[in-house]
């Protein structure tokens, strides 16, 4: 299935369940894969605001910030994600965020 088809399918699912964080996350990652960074950024930021505990967002948003040259924003979002994964006891995700943070800052 092509990216555009997946995007349309995800949008259709979002019409039915607009508050599903996974669908918003999936839509943002599709736009990342197409190189449509501004659209992906807007979706990731909305997701962080509406579903702050959806911790998968923080890694991909951080990587997107890095790609567009916003290293301070990436650093900040990694730290927020680390705090959330600690609170939720999500050790694997915490380790991935910690690794991304250390790679960026050291």
N, C-alpha and C. Protein backbone atom coordinates (compact mmCIF):
# COMPACT_ATOMS: atom_id res chain seq x y z
N UNK A 1 0.84 -1.18 0.00
CA UNK A 1 0.00 0.00 0.00
C UNK A 1 0.89 1.25 0.00
N UNK A 2 0.61 2.18 -0.85
CA UNK A 2 1.39 3.41 -0.95
C UNK A 2 1.09 4.33 0.23
N UNK A 3 2.04 5.22 0.50
CA UNK A 3 1.89 6.14 1.63
C UNK A 3 0.58 6.92 1.57
N UNK A 4 0.26 7.43 0.38
CA UNK A 4 -0.95 8.24 0.26
C UNK A 4 -2.20 7.43 0.57
N UNK A 5 -2.20 6.16 0.19
CA UNK A 5 -3.34 5.29 0.51
C UNK A 5 -3.43 5.07 2.01
N UNK A 6 -2.28 4.83 2.64
CA UNK A 6 -2.27 4.65 4.10
C UNK A 6 -2.75 5.91 4.80
N UNK A 7 -2.30 7.06 4.32
CA UNK A 7 -2.73 8.33 4.92
C UNK A 7 -4.24 8.48 4.83
N UNK A 8 -4.80 8.20 3.67
CA UNK A 8 -6.26 8.31 3.51
C UNK A 8 -6.99 7.31 4.41
N UNK A 9 -6.44 6.11 4.53
CA UNK A 9 -7.06 5.10 5.38
C UNK A 9 -7.02 5.54 6.85
N UNK A 10 -5.88 6.05 7.29
CA UNK A 10 -5.76 6.51 8.67
C UNK A 10 -6.71 7.68 8.93
N UNK A 11 -6.82 8.60 7.98
CA UNK A 11 -7.74 9.73 8.14
C UNK A 11 -9.18 9.25 8.27
N UNK A 12 -9.53 8.21 7.51
CA UNK A 12 -10.88 7.64 7.61
C UNK A 12 -11.11 7.05 8.99
N UNK A 13 -10.11 6.33 9.52
CA UNK A 13 -10.22 5.79 10.87
C UNK A 13 -10.33 6.90 11.91
N UNK A 14 -9.59 7.98 11.69
CA UNK A 14 -9.63 9.11 12.63
C UNK A 14 -11.00 9.79 12.65
N UNK A 15 -11.72 9.75 11.55
CA UNK A 15 -13.07 10.31 11.53
C UNK A 15 -13.98 9.55 12.49
N UNK A 16 -13.73 8.24 12.59
CA UNK A 16 -14.55 7.39 13.46
C UNK A 16 -14.10 7.50 14.92
N UNK A 17 -12.77 7.50 15.13
CA UNK A 17 -12.22 7.58 16.49
C UNK A 17 -11.16 8.68 16.55
N UNK A 18 -11.62 9.93 16.59
CA UNK A 18 -10.68 11.06 16.53
C UNK A 18 -9.74 11.18 17.73
N UNK A 19 -10.09 10.55 18.84
CA UNK A 19 -9.25 10.66 20.04
C UNK A 19 -8.27 9.50 20.20
N UNK A 20 -8.11 8.69 19.17
CA UNK A 20 -7.19 7.55 19.25
C UNK A 20 -5.76 8.05 19.02
N UNK A 21 -4.92 8.04 20.07
CA UNK A 21 -3.57 8.57 19.91
C UNK A 21 -2.73 7.77 18.92
N UNK A 22 -2.95 6.45 18.84
CA UNK A 22 -2.16 5.66 17.90
C UNK A 22 -2.41 6.11 16.47
N UNK A 23 -3.65 6.40 16.13
CA UNK A 23 -3.96 6.81 14.76
C UNK A 23 -3.30 8.15 14.43
N UNK A 24 -3.33 9.08 15.35
CA UNK A 24 -2.66 10.37 15.14
C UNK A 24 -1.15 10.18 14.99
N UNK A 25 -0.60 9.31 15.82
CA UNK A 25 0.83 8.99 15.76
C UNK A 25 1.17 8.35 14.40
N UNK A 26 0.36 7.40 13.98
CA UNK A 26 0.60 6.72 12.71
C UNK A 26 0.53 7.70 11.54
N UNK A 27 -0.43 8.62 11.61
CA UNK A 27 -0.56 9.61 10.55
C UNK A 27 0.69 10.51 10.49
N UNK A 28 1.16 10.94 11.64
CA UNK A 28 2.36 11.78 11.69
C UNK A 28 3.57 11.04 11.13
N UNK A 29 3.73 9.77 11.47
CA UNK A 29 4.88 9.03 10.98
C UNK A 29 4.80 8.80 9.47
N UNK A 30 3.60 8.69 8.94
CA UNK A 30 3.46 8.59 7.48
C UNK A 30 3.95 9.87 6.81
N UNK A 31 3.60 11.01 7.38
CA UNK A 31 4.06 12.27 6.80
C UNK A 31 5.58 12.41 6.94
N UNK A 32 6.15 11.91 8.04
CA UNK A 32 7.62 11.92 8.18
C UNK A 32 8.24 11.12 7.04
N UNK A 33 7.69 9.95 6.77
CA UNK A 33 8.27 9.10 5.72
C UNK A 33 8.16 9.73 4.33
N UNK A 34 7.22 10.64 4.16
CA UNK A 34 7.08 11.35 2.89
C UNK A 34 7.93 12.62 2.85
N UNK A 35 8.58 12.93 3.98
CA UNK A 35 9.39 14.15 4.04
C UNK A 35 8.57 15.41 4.22
N UNK A 36 7.33 15.26 4.62
CA UNK A 36 6.45 16.41 4.85
C UNK A 36 6.55 16.80 6.33
N UNK A 37 7.72 17.36 6.66
CA UNK A 37 8.07 17.62 8.06
C UNK A 37 7.13 18.59 8.75
N UNK A 38 6.69 19.63 8.06
CA UNK A 38 5.84 20.62 8.72
C UNK A 38 4.48 20.02 9.11
N UNK A 39 3.94 19.16 8.26
CA UNK A 39 2.68 18.51 8.58
C UNK A 39 2.88 17.54 9.75
N UNK A 40 3.95 16.77 9.69
CA UNK A 40 4.25 15.81 10.76
C UNK A 40 4.47 16.53 12.08
N UNK A 41 5.19 17.63 12.04
CA UNK A 41 5.47 18.39 13.26
C UNK A 41 4.18 18.88 13.90
N UNK A 42 3.30 19.41 13.10
CA UNK A 42 2.01 19.89 13.61
C UNK A 42 1.23 18.76 14.27
N UNK A 43 1.22 17.59 13.64
CA UNK A 43 0.49 16.44 14.19
C UNK A 43 1.13 15.93 15.48
N UNK A 44 2.46 15.84 15.50
CA UNK A 44 3.15 15.39 16.72
C UNK A 44 2.91 16.36 17.87
N UNK A 45 2.98 17.66 17.60
CA UNK A 45 2.76 18.64 18.66
C UNK A 45 1.33 18.58 19.19
N UNK A 46 0.38 18.40 18.32
CA UNK A 46 -1.01 18.25 18.76
C UNK A 46 -1.15 17.00 19.63
N UNK A 47 -0.48 15.94 19.24
CA UNK A 47 -0.54 14.69 19.99
C UNK A 47 0.09 14.84 21.38
N UNK A 48 1.21 15.52 21.47
CA UNK A 48 1.85 15.76 22.77
C UNK A 48 0.92 16.58 23.67
N UNK A 49 0.18 17.51 23.08
CA UNK A 49 -0.74 18.34 23.86
C UNK A 49 -2.00 17.59 24.30
N UNK A 50 -2.53 16.75 23.42
CA UNK A 50 -3.79 16.07 23.75
C UNK A 50 -3.59 14.74 24.46
N UNK A 51 -2.47 14.08 24.22
CA UNK A 51 -2.19 12.77 24.83
C UNK A 51 -0.74 12.76 25.31
N UNK A 52 -0.44 13.54 26.35
CA UNK A 52 0.96 13.67 26.78
C UNK A 52 1.58 12.36 27.26
N UNK A 53 0.78 11.40 27.67
CA UNK A 53 1.33 10.12 28.13
C UNK A 53 1.57 9.12 26.99
N UNK A 54 1.25 9.49 25.77
CA UNK A 54 1.53 8.60 24.63
C UNK A 54 3.01 8.76 24.29
N UNK A 55 3.82 8.01 25.01
CA UNK A 55 5.27 8.23 25.06
C UNK A 55 6.00 7.96 23.75
N UNK A 56 5.44 7.17 22.86
CA UNK A 56 6.11 6.90 21.57
C UNK A 56 6.32 8.17 20.77
N UNK A 57 5.47 9.13 20.97
CA UNK A 57 5.55 10.40 20.25
C UNK A 57 6.88 11.11 20.49
N UNK A 58 7.38 11.05 21.72
CA UNK A 58 8.53 11.87 22.10
C UNK A 58 9.79 11.50 21.32
N UNK A 59 10.01 10.23 21.09
CA UNK A 59 11.19 9.80 20.34
C UNK A 59 11.13 10.33 18.91
N UNK A 60 10.01 10.12 18.25
CA UNK A 60 9.88 10.50 16.85
C UNK A 60 9.83 12.02 16.68
N UNK A 61 9.21 12.71 17.61
CA UNK A 61 9.20 14.17 17.56
C UNK A 61 10.62 14.70 17.76
N UNK A 62 11.35 14.10 18.69
CA UNK A 62 12.74 14.51 18.91
C UNK A 62 13.58 14.30 17.66
N UNK A 63 13.44 13.15 17.03
CA UNK A 63 14.19 12.87 15.81
C UNK A 63 13.82 13.85 14.69
N UNK A 64 12.54 14.19 14.61
CA UNK A 64 12.11 15.17 13.61
C UNK A 64 12.75 16.53 13.89
N UNK A 65 12.74 16.94 15.15
CA UNK A 65 13.39 18.20 15.51
C UNK A 65 14.87 18.18 15.12
N UNK A 66 15.53 17.07 15.38
CA UNK A 66 16.94 16.96 15.00
C UNK A 66 17.10 17.13 13.49
N UNK A 67 16.24 16.47 12.73
CA UNK A 67 16.35 16.50 11.27
C UNK A 67 16.18 17.90 10.70
N UNK A 68 15.34 18.70 11.37
CA UNK A 68 15.11 20.06 10.86
C UNK A 68 16.04 21.08 11.53
N UNK A 69 17.00 20.58 12.30
CA UNK A 69 18.01 21.46 12.88
C UNK A 69 17.60 22.16 14.16
N UNK A 70 16.58 21.66 14.81
CA UNK A 70 16.11 22.25 16.07
C UNK A 70 16.59 21.39 17.25
N UNK A 71 17.90 21.40 17.47
CA UNK A 71 18.48 20.52 18.49
C UNK A 71 18.02 20.84 19.90
N UNK A 72 17.84 22.11 20.23
CA UNK A 72 17.37 22.45 21.58
C UNK A 72 15.95 21.94 21.82
N UNK A 73 15.12 22.03 20.82
CA UNK A 73 13.75 21.51 20.93
C UNK A 73 13.79 19.99 21.06
N UNK A 74 14.69 19.34 20.32
CA UNK A 74 14.83 17.88 20.42
C UNK A 74 15.26 17.50 21.82
N UNK A 75 16.26 18.20 22.34
CA UNK A 75 16.74 17.92 23.69
C UNK A 75 15.61 18.04 24.71
N UNK A 76 14.85 19.10 24.61
CA UNK A 76 13.73 19.33 25.52
C UNK A 76 12.68 18.23 25.42
N UNK A 77 12.34 17.82 24.22
CA UNK A 77 11.29 16.81 24.05
C UNK A 77 11.78 15.44 24.52
N UNK A 78 13.07 15.15 24.31
CA UNK A 78 13.60 13.89 24.85
C UNK A 78 13.49 13.87 26.37
N UNK A 79 13.84 14.98 27.02
CA UNK A 79 13.78 15.05 28.48
C UNK A 79 12.35 14.89 28.98
N UNK A 80 11.39 15.50 28.30
CA UNK A 80 9.98 15.33 28.67
C UNK A 80 9.57 13.87 28.53
N UNK A 81 9.99 13.26 27.43
CA UNK A 81 9.65 11.85 27.20
C UNK A 81 10.29 10.94 28.24
N UNK A 82 11.52 11.23 28.62
CA UNK A 82 12.20 10.44 29.65
C UNK A 82 11.43 10.53 30.96
N UNK A 83 11.01 11.72 31.33
CA UNK A 83 10.25 11.90 32.57
C UNK A 83 8.94 11.12 32.54
N UNK A 84 8.26 11.15 31.40
CA UNK A 84 6.98 10.45 31.28
C UNK A 84 7.19 8.94 31.33
N UNK A 85 8.19 8.44 30.60
CA UNK A 85 8.42 6.99 30.61
C UNK A 85 8.86 6.51 31.98
N UNK A 86 9.61 7.34 32.72
CA UNK A 86 9.97 6.99 34.10
C UNK A 86 8.72 6.86 34.95
N UNK A 87 7.86 7.86 34.85
CA UNK A 87 6.62 7.87 35.65
C UNK A 87 5.74 6.67 35.31
N UNK A 88 5.71 6.29 34.03
CA UNK A 88 4.87 5.18 33.58
C UNK A 88 5.59 3.83 33.67
N UNK A 89 6.83 3.85 34.13
CA UNK A 89 7.66 2.64 34.26
C UNK A 89 7.80 1.89 32.93
N UNK A 90 8.05 2.65 31.88
CA UNK A 90 8.26 2.10 30.54
C UNK A 90 9.76 2.10 30.26
N UNK A 91 10.44 1.10 30.78
CA UNK A 91 11.90 1.08 30.77
C UNK A 91 12.50 1.02 29.37
N UNK A 92 11.91 0.24 28.48
CA UNK A 92 12.45 0.13 27.13
C UNK A 92 12.38 1.48 26.41
N UNK A 93 11.21 2.09 26.44
CA UNK A 93 11.03 3.40 25.80
C UNK A 93 11.93 4.44 26.47
N UNK A 94 12.05 4.36 27.77
CA UNK A 94 12.93 5.28 28.49
C UNK A 94 14.37 5.13 28.01
N UNK A 95 14.81 3.90 27.83
CA UNK A 95 16.16 3.65 27.35
C UNK A 95 16.38 4.20 25.95
N UNK A 96 15.39 4.06 25.08
CA UNK A 96 15.51 4.60 23.72
C UNK A 96 15.60 6.12 23.74
N UNK A 97 14.78 6.74 24.56
CA UNK A 97 14.81 8.20 24.68
C UNK A 97 16.12 8.67 25.29
N UNK A 98 16.59 7.96 26.30
CA UNK A 98 17.85 8.32 26.94
C UNK A 98 19.00 8.20 25.94
N UNK A 99 18.99 7.15 25.14
CA UNK A 99 20.02 6.96 24.12
C UNK A 99 20.00 8.07 23.08
N UNK A 100 18.82 8.45 22.64
CA UNK A 100 18.70 9.53 21.66
C UNK A 100 19.18 10.85 22.26
N UNK A 101 18.82 11.08 23.51
CA UNK A 101 19.25 12.30 24.20
C UNK A 101 20.77 12.36 24.33
N UNK A 102 21.35 11.25 24.76
CA UNK A 102 22.81 11.21 24.93
C UNK A 102 23.54 11.34 23.61
N UNK A 103 23.01 10.73 22.57
CA UNK A 103 23.61 10.83 21.24
C UNK A 103 23.61 12.29 20.77
N UNK A 104 22.53 12.99 21.08
CA UNK A 104 22.40 14.38 20.68
C UNK A 104 23.30 15.31 21.50
N UNK A 105 23.42 15.04 22.79
CA UNK A 105 24.05 16.01 23.68
C UNK A 105 25.52 15.71 24.01
N UNK A 106 26.01 14.54 23.66
CA UNK A 106 27.41 14.22 24.01
C UNK A 106 28.27 14.03 22.80
